[in-house]
Amino acid sequence: MSDIIREIEEEQKKKEIPEFNTGDTVKVYNKIKEGNRERVQIFEGTVLKKQGGNTARATFTVRKISNGVGVEKTWPLHSPSVEKVEVVRRGKVRRAKLFYLRKLTGKRAKVKEAVN
């Protein structure tokens, strides 16, 4: 990768990134522009995966059940539209990607809470 691209990506990275992992329940505060107005929408769910490591291209996927339908959203970690990510509770998982949660419903789709 060229030095120019690397420099631009470093400028766009956020300084403070919250510490969260796969299996954690998080609230993502997402900025939404509607015409000339701007509002913040909260999306709360379980982190299915994080990918991209420590680069400016890192992303994370959050899943929640809304009215009986599974909804997944993927955000770039350093996106300006992501105002903040707040950890609600820590999850105890043994995998890096929790795609098996897509098949599960009800109480089975829950992740055990980590004891600290």
N, C-alpha and C. Protein backbone atom coordinates (compact mmCIF):
# COMPACT_ATOMS: atom_id res chain seq x y z
N MET A 1 0.85 -1.17 0.00
CA MET A 1 0.00 0.00 0.00
C MET A 1 0.90 1.24 0.00
N SER A 2 0.51 2.24 -0.77
CA SER A 2 1.36 3.42 -0.89
C SER A 2 1.31 4.28 0.37
N ASP A 3 2.31 5.11 0.51
CA ASP A 3 2.41 5.97 1.69
C ASP A 3 1.30 7.02 1.71
N ILE A 4 0.86 7.47 0.56
CA ILE A 4 -0.19 8.48 0.49
C ILE A 4 -1.50 7.93 1.06
N ILE A 5 -1.86 6.74 0.66
CA ILE A 5 -3.09 6.11 1.16
C ILE A 5 -2.98 5.88 2.66
N ARG A 6 -1.83 5.43 3.11
CA ARG A 6 -1.62 5.17 4.53
C ARG A 6 -1.78 6.46 5.35
N GLU A 7 -1.25 7.57 4.85
CA GLU A 7 -1.36 8.85 5.55
C GLU A 7 -2.81 9.32 5.64
N ILE A 8 -3.55 9.18 4.55
CA ILE A 8 -4.96 9.60 4.53
C ILE A 8 -5.76 8.75 5.50
N GLU A 9 -5.53 7.45 5.53
CA GLU A 9 -6.24 6.57 6.45
C GLU A 9 -5.93 6.91 7.90
N GLU A 10 -4.68 7.24 8.21
CA GLU A 10 -4.31 7.59 9.58
C GLU A 10 -5.01 8.87 10.03
N GLU A 11 -5.20 9.83 9.12
CA GLU A 11 -5.89 11.07 9.46
C GLU A 11 -7.36 10.81 9.77
N GLN A 12 -7.96 9.85 9.09
CA GLN A 12 -9.39 9.58 9.24
C GLN A 12 -9.71 8.69 10.43
N LYS A 13 -8.72 8.06 11.02
CA LYS A 13 -8.97 7.18 12.16
C LYS A 13 -9.38 7.99 13.38
N LYS A 14 -10.29 7.43 14.16
CA LYS A 14 -10.71 8.06 15.41
C LYS A 14 -9.62 7.86 16.46
N LYS A 15 -9.52 8.82 17.36
CA LYS A 15 -8.49 8.75 18.40
C LYS A 15 -8.87 7.75 19.49
N GLU A 16 -10.13 7.83 19.95
CA GLU A 16 -10.58 6.95 21.03
C GLU A 16 -11.61 5.97 20.50
N ILE A 17 -11.26 4.70 20.55
CA ILE A 17 -12.17 3.63 20.13
C ILE A 17 -12.53 2.83 21.36
N PRO A 18 -13.82 2.59 21.59
CA PRO A 18 -14.19 1.80 22.77
C PRO A 18 -13.72 0.36 22.64
N GLU A 19 -13.44 -0.25 23.75
CA GLU A 19 -12.96 -1.64 23.78
C GLU A 19 -14.17 -2.57 23.86
N PHE A 20 -14.48 -3.25 22.77
CA PHE A 20 -15.54 -4.25 22.77
C PHE A 20 -15.11 -5.40 21.89
N ASN A 21 -15.70 -6.57 22.16
CA ASN A 21 -15.33 -7.78 21.44
C ASN A 21 -16.57 -8.49 20.93
N THR A 22 -16.35 -9.56 20.21
CA THR A 22 -17.43 -10.39 19.73
C THR A 22 -18.19 -10.97 20.91
N GLY A 23 -19.52 -10.94 20.84
CA GLY A 23 -20.36 -11.47 21.91
C GLY A 23 -20.86 -10.41 22.87
N ASP A 24 -20.26 -9.23 22.85
CA ASP A 24 -20.71 -8.16 23.73
C ASP A 24 -22.01 -7.57 23.21
N THR A 25 -22.85 -7.11 24.13
CA THR A 25 -24.05 -6.37 23.77
C THR A 25 -23.69 -4.89 23.80
N VAL A 26 -23.91 -4.21 22.68
CA VAL A 26 -23.51 -2.82 22.56
C VAL A 26 -24.66 -1.95 22.08
N LYS A 27 -24.56 -0.65 22.37
CA LYS A 27 -25.45 0.36 21.80
C LYS A 27 -24.61 1.18 20.83
N VAL A 28 -25.04 1.24 19.59
CA VAL A 28 -24.34 2.03 18.58
C VAL A 28 -25.16 3.29 18.32
N TYR A 29 -24.56 4.44 18.57
CA TYR A 29 -25.21 5.72 18.34
C TYR A 29 -24.85 6.18 16.93
N ASN A 30 -25.83 6.12 16.02
CA ASN A 30 -25.61 6.37 14.60
C ASN A 30 -26.24 7.70 14.20
N LYS A 31 -25.47 8.59 13.57
CA LYS A 31 -25.99 9.86 13.10
C LYS A 31 -26.72 9.64 11.78
N ILE A 32 -27.94 10.20 11.68
CA ILE A 32 -28.73 10.08 10.46
C ILE A 32 -29.12 11.48 10.00
N LYS A 33 -28.85 11.78 8.73
CA LYS A 33 -29.24 13.06 8.16
C LYS A 33 -30.55 12.89 7.41
N GLU A 34 -31.52 13.74 7.76
CA GLU A 34 -32.81 13.76 7.08
C GLU A 34 -33.03 15.17 6.58
N GLY A 35 -32.77 15.40 5.32
CA GLY A 35 -32.88 16.74 4.77
C GLY A 35 -31.80 17.63 5.38
N ASN A 36 -32.24 18.70 6.07
CA ASN A 36 -31.27 19.58 6.72
C ASN A 36 -31.16 19.30 8.22
N ARG A 37 -31.87 18.31 8.71
CA ARG A 37 -31.82 17.94 10.13
C ARG A 37 -30.91 16.74 10.33
N GLU A 38 -30.39 16.64 11.54
CA GLU A 38 -29.53 15.52 11.89
C GLU A 38 -29.99 14.98 13.24
N ARG A 39 -30.13 13.66 13.33
CA ARG A 39 -30.54 13.05 14.59
C ARG A 39 -29.68 11.82 14.85
N VAL A 40 -29.77 11.31 16.09
CA VAL A 40 -28.99 10.14 16.48
C VAL A 40 -29.95 8.99 16.72
N GLN A 41 -29.69 7.86 16.08
CA GLN A 41 -30.50 6.66 16.24
C GLN A 41 -29.66 5.61 16.96
N ILE A 42 -30.27 4.95 17.95
CA ILE A 42 -29.55 3.95 18.74
C ILE A 42 -29.93 2.56 18.24
N PHE A 43 -28.91 1.74 18.00
CA PHE A 43 -29.09 0.35 17.58
C PHE A 43 -28.41 -0.52 18.62
N GLU A 44 -29.19 -1.30 19.36
CA GLU A 44 -28.63 -2.14 20.42
C GLU A 44 -28.73 -3.60 20.02
N GLY A 45 -27.62 -4.32 20.15
CA GLY A 45 -27.60 -5.72 19.80
C GLY A 45 -26.28 -6.38 20.15
N THR A 46 -26.13 -7.62 19.70
CA THR A 46 -24.94 -8.42 19.97
C THR A 46 -23.94 -8.28 18.84
N VAL A 47 -22.67 -8.11 19.17
CA VAL A 47 -21.62 -8.01 18.16
C VAL A 47 -21.36 -9.41 17.61
N LEU A 48 -21.62 -9.60 16.31
CA LEU A 48 -21.38 -10.89 15.67
C LEU A 48 -19.93 -11.05 15.24
N LYS A 49 -19.33 -9.98 14.74
CA LYS A 49 -17.95 -10.09 14.28
C LYS A 49 -17.30 -8.72 14.26
N LYS A 50 -15.98 -8.74 14.36
CA LYS A 50 -15.13 -7.58 14.14
C LYS A 50 -14.08 -8.02 13.14
N GLN A 51 -13.82 -7.18 12.16
CA GLN A 51 -12.79 -7.54 11.20
C GLN A 51 -12.05 -6.30 10.75
N GLY A 52 -10.84 -6.49 10.29
CA GLY A 52 -10.02 -5.39 9.82
C GLY A 52 -8.93 -4.99 10.77
N GLY A 53 -8.94 -5.57 11.96
CA GLY A 53 -7.87 -5.32 12.92
C GLY A 53 -7.80 -3.88 13.39
N ASN A 54 -6.62 -3.29 13.28
CA ASN A 54 -6.38 -1.94 13.78
C ASN A 54 -6.25 -0.94 12.63
N THR A 55 -6.80 -1.28 11.48
CA THR A 55 -6.69 -0.40 10.32
C THR A 55 -7.87 0.57 10.27
N ALA A 56 -7.81 1.52 9.35
CA ALA A 56 -8.91 2.47 9.17
C ALA A 56 -10.09 1.81 8.49
N ARG A 57 -9.89 0.62 7.94
CA ARG A 57 -10.95 -0.09 7.23
C ARG A 57 -11.68 -1.10 8.11
N ALA A 58 -11.41 -1.09 9.40
CA ALA A 58 -12.01 -2.06 10.32
C ALA A 58 -13.52 -1.87 10.38
N THR A 59 -14.26 -2.99 10.45
CA THR A 59 -15.72 -2.94 10.56
C THR A 59 -16.18 -3.86 11.67
N PHE A 60 -17.43 -3.64 12.11
CA PHE A 60 -18.05 -4.54 13.07
C PHE A 60 -19.52 -4.70 12.71
N THR A 61 -20.07 -5.88 13.02
CA THR A 61 -21.45 -6.21 12.70
C THR A 61 -22.22 -6.46 13.99
N VAL A 62 -23.41 -5.85 14.08
CA VAL A 62 -24.26 -5.99 15.26
C VAL A 62 -25.60 -6.57 14.82
N ARG A 63 -26.13 -7.50 15.62
CA ARG A 63 -27.40 -8.16 15.29
C ARG A 63 -28.37 -8.00 16.44
N LYS A 64 -29.64 -7.72 16.09
CA LYS A 64 -30.70 -7.69 17.09
C LYS A 64 -31.96 -8.28 16.48
N ILE A 65 -32.88 -8.65 17.35
CA ILE A 65 -34.17 -9.17 16.90
C ILE A 65 -35.18 -8.04 17.06
N SER A 66 -35.82 -7.63 15.97
CA SER A 66 -36.79 -6.54 15.98
C SER A 66 -38.12 -7.06 15.44
N ASN A 67 -39.12 -7.12 16.32
CA ASN A 67 -40.46 -7.63 15.96
C ASN A 67 -40.39 -9.04 15.38
N GLY A 68 -39.54 -9.88 15.96
CA GLY A 68 -39.43 -11.26 15.52
C GLY A 68 -38.57 -11.47 14.29
N VAL A 69 -37.96 -10.43 13.78
CA VAL A 69 -37.13 -10.51 12.58
C VAL A 69 -35.70 -10.12 12.96
N GLY A 70 -34.73 -10.93 12.54
CA GLY A 70 -33.33 -10.62 12.81
C GLY A 70 -32.84 -9.50 11.91
N VAL A 71 -32.20 -8.50 12.52
CA VAL A 71 -31.68 -7.36 11.77
C VAL A 71 -30.18 -7.25 12.07
N GLU A 72 -29.38 -7.18 11.03
CA GLU A 72 -27.94 -7.01 11.18
C GLU A 72 -27.50 -5.74 10.47
N LYS A 73 -26.60 -5.01 11.13
CA LYS A 73 -26.03 -3.83 10.51
C LYS A 73 -24.52 -3.89 10.67
N THR A 74 -23.81 -3.45 9.63
CA THR A 74 -22.36 -3.41 9.65
C THR A 74 -21.91 -1.97 9.50
N TRP A 75 -21.03 -1.54 10.40
CA TRP A 75 -20.50 -0.18 10.37
C TRP A 75 -18.98 -0.21 10.28
N PRO A 76 -18.40 0.77 9.59
CA PRO A 76 -16.96 0.98 9.72
C PRO A 76 -16.67 1.51 11.12
N LEU A 77 -15.64 1.02 11.74
CA LEU A 77 -15.32 1.40 13.12
C LEU A 77 -14.95 2.88 13.22
N HIS A 78 -14.31 3.42 12.19
CA HIS A 78 -13.85 4.80 12.22
C HIS A 78 -14.76 5.73 11.43
N SER A 79 -16.00 5.33 11.20
CA SER A 79 -16.94 6.14 10.42
C SER A 79 -17.36 7.39 11.19
N PRO A 80 -17.47 8.54 10.50
CA PRO A 80 -17.97 9.73 11.17
C PRO A 80 -19.45 9.64 11.52
N SER A 81 -20.19 8.74 10.89
CA SER A 81 -21.61 8.59 11.21
C SER A 81 -21.83 7.80 12.50
N VAL A 82 -20.82 7.09 12.97
CA VAL A 82 -20.91 6.39 14.26
C VAL A 82 -20.43 7.36 15.33
N GLU A 83 -21.39 7.88 16.10
CA GLU A 83 -21.03 8.87 17.13
C GLU A 83 -20.28 8.21 18.28
N LYS A 84 -20.85 7.12 18.82
CA LYS A 84 -20.16 6.39 19.87
C LYS A 84 -20.71 4.97 19.95
N VAL A 85 -19.92 4.10 20.56
CA VAL A 85 -20.32 2.71 20.80
C VAL A 85 -20.21 2.50 22.30
N GLU A 86 -21.32 2.11 22.91
CA GLU A 86 -21.38 1.94 24.36
C GLU A 86 -21.61 0.46 24.67
N VAL A 87 -20.76 -0.12 25.51
CA VAL A 87 -20.89 -1.52 25.88
C VAL A 87 -21.92 -1.64 27.00
N VAL A 88 -22.98 -2.43 26.75
CA VAL A 88 -24.02 -2.64 27.75
C VAL A 88 -23.62 -3.77 28.68
N ARG A 89 -23.18 -4.90 28.08
CA ARG A 89 -22.70 -6.02 28.89
C ARG A 89 -21.70 -6.83 28.10
N ARG A 90 -20.80 -7.47 28.81
CA ARG A 90 -19.76 -8.29 28.18
C ARG A 90 -20.28 -9.70 27.99
N GLY A 91 -19.95 -10.31 26.87
CA GLY A 91 -20.36 -11.67 26.59
C GLY A 91 -19.20 -12.62 26.64
N LYS A 92 -19.48 -13.85 27.02
CA LYS A 92 -18.45 -14.89 27.07
C LYS A 92 -18.68 -15.82 25.90
N VAL A 93 -17.78 -15.77 24.92
CA VAL A 93 -17.88 -16.61 23.73
C VAL A 93 -16.53 -17.25 23.45
N ARG A 94 -16.57 -18.33 22.67
CA ARG A 94 -15.34 -19.04 22.36
C ARG A 94 -15.04 -19.03 20.87
N ARG A 95 -15.70 -18.14 20.14
CA ARG A 95 -15.49 -18.03 18.70
C ARG A 95 -15.29 -16.57 18.32
N ALA A 96 -14.66 -16.35 17.18
CA ALA A 96 -14.42 -15.00 16.70
C ALA A 96 -15.62 -14.45 15.93
N LYS A 97 -16.38 -15.33 15.31
CA LYS A 97 -17.54 -14.92 14.53
C LYS A 97 -18.74 -15.78 14.93
N LEU A 98 -19.84 -15.12 15.29
CA LEU A 98 -20.99 -15.81 15.87
C LEU A 98 -22.12 -15.98 14.86
N PHE A 99 -21.81 -16.50 13.69
CA PHE A 99 -22.82 -16.66 12.66
C PHE A 99 -23.86 -17.71 13.01
N TYR A 100 -23.55 -18.60 13.96
CA TYR A 100 -24.52 -19.61 14.36
C TYR A 100 -25.73 -18.99 15.05
N LEU A 101 -25.64 -17.76 15.52
CA LEU A 101 -26.77 -17.09 16.17
C LEU A 101 -27.89 -16.79 15.19
N ARG A 102 -27.57 -16.76 13.91
CA ARG A 102 -28.59 -16.48 12.89
C ARG A 102 -29.66 -17.56 12.84
N LYS A 103 -29.29 -18.79 13.15
CA LYS A 103 -30.23 -19.91 13.08
C LYS A 103 -31.06 -20.05 14.35
N LEU A 104 -30.60 -19.46 15.45
CA LEU A 104 -31.24 -19.66 16.74
C LEU A 104 -32.30 -18.60 17.00
N THR A 105 -33.32 -18.97 17.80
CA THR A 105 -34.38 -18.04 18.15
C THR A 105 -34.62 -18.11 19.65
N GLY A 106 -35.25 -17.08 20.18
CA GLY A 106 -35.64 -17.06 21.58
C GLY A 106 -34.46 -17.02 22.53
N LYS A 107 -34.57 -17.80 23.63
CA LYS A 107 -33.52 -17.80 24.65
C LYS A 107 -32.23 -18.44 24.15
N ARG A 108 -32.32 -19.31 23.19
CA ARG A 108 -31.12 -19.96 22.66
C ARG A 108 -30.19 -18.98 21.95
N ALA A 109 -30.74 -17.88 21.47
CA ALA A 109 -29.95 -16.90 20.73
C ALA A 109 -29.19 -15.95 21.65
N LYS A 110 -29.23 -16.19 22.96
CA LYS A 110 -28.54 -15.32 23.90
C LYS A 110 -27.11 -15.79 24.11
N VAL A 111 -26.27 -14.84 24.49
CA VAL A 111 -24.86 -15.11 24.78
C VAL A 111 -24.68 -15.02 26.27
N LYS A 112 -23.91 -15.96 26.85
CA LYS A 112 -23.67 -15.94 28.29
C LYS A 112 -22.89 -14.69 28.67
N GLU A 113 -23.15 -14.19 29.87
CA GLU A 113 -22.46 -13.00 30.33
C GLU A 113 -21.13 -13.36 30.96
N ALA A 114 -20.11 -12.59 30.65
CA ALA A 114 -18.77 -12.81 31.20
C ALA A 114 -18.72 -12.32 32.63
N VAL A 115 -18.11 -13.09 33.52
CA VAL A 115 -17.97 -12.72 34.91
C VAL A 115 -16.57 -12.18 35.12
N ASN A 116 -16.50 -10.94 35.61
CA ASN A 116 -15.19 -10.32 35.82
C ASN A 116 -14.92 -10.10 37.28
